[in-house]
Amino acid sequence: MLFSEKMKKIFNYYNIIIISFLCSCASYDYNQVKTSKHTIKTGRKGLTVWNDKLVFHRISWYQGATLLSEVNYALVPSDSPFINWFDSGELSSTSKCKQILAVIDYSDDSRRVNKKDFTNLLEKNGFINISTPTFFKELINHPDMMALSNKNYSQKLYCQPSGVVESLSIYRPGFENKVINIVQ
């Protein structure tokens, strides 16, 4: 009799643990949006070195443990020393920009989340895509960029010629809306 009472207590204890585990799994949000920052701390072009920062804001959309999409963006102020990474043609193309936005983005499955969704959002808000291969070669070869692991990401630079866009709202189906503050 004593043995069966002990077994009942142990059985009840394990039931409580199993039920708690199942309840915690049931409340797990399968689609998650995570944000973070990544900072480029210094820059160099030839013999010129500067101690300024270029801050990339990262928004990542996960389904379970799978990264579906990611957008990294950084405002490049016109008075930033990182402008030194532009070649003369790129500098000329960006000279009339009120805002310069460097974007590095990724999409795992274009059927679910297309990279063009973010591009379309920027263009809808007056941004123009400018080809800046020299700038991005400098950027992706910077030692601080190695932490982003962006081999399968596309890089684009956007110019806002007519004004300042302070924020944008990004929608991904099945996820919460995310507001990005371009001007920090």
Foldseek 3Di string as FASTA:
>chain_A
DVVVVVVVVVVVVVVVVVVVVVVVVVPDQQKDKDKDKAKDQKADDPPDIGGDIWIWIKIFIGRHPDTFKMKIKTKQDPPHPLLVQFDPVRCVVQVLFPIKMKIKMDGDDCVQPNPVQVVVQCVVVQKDWDDGPSSVVRVCPRPSNVVVVRPPIDIIMIGRRPDDDQWGWGDGPPDDIDIDGRDD
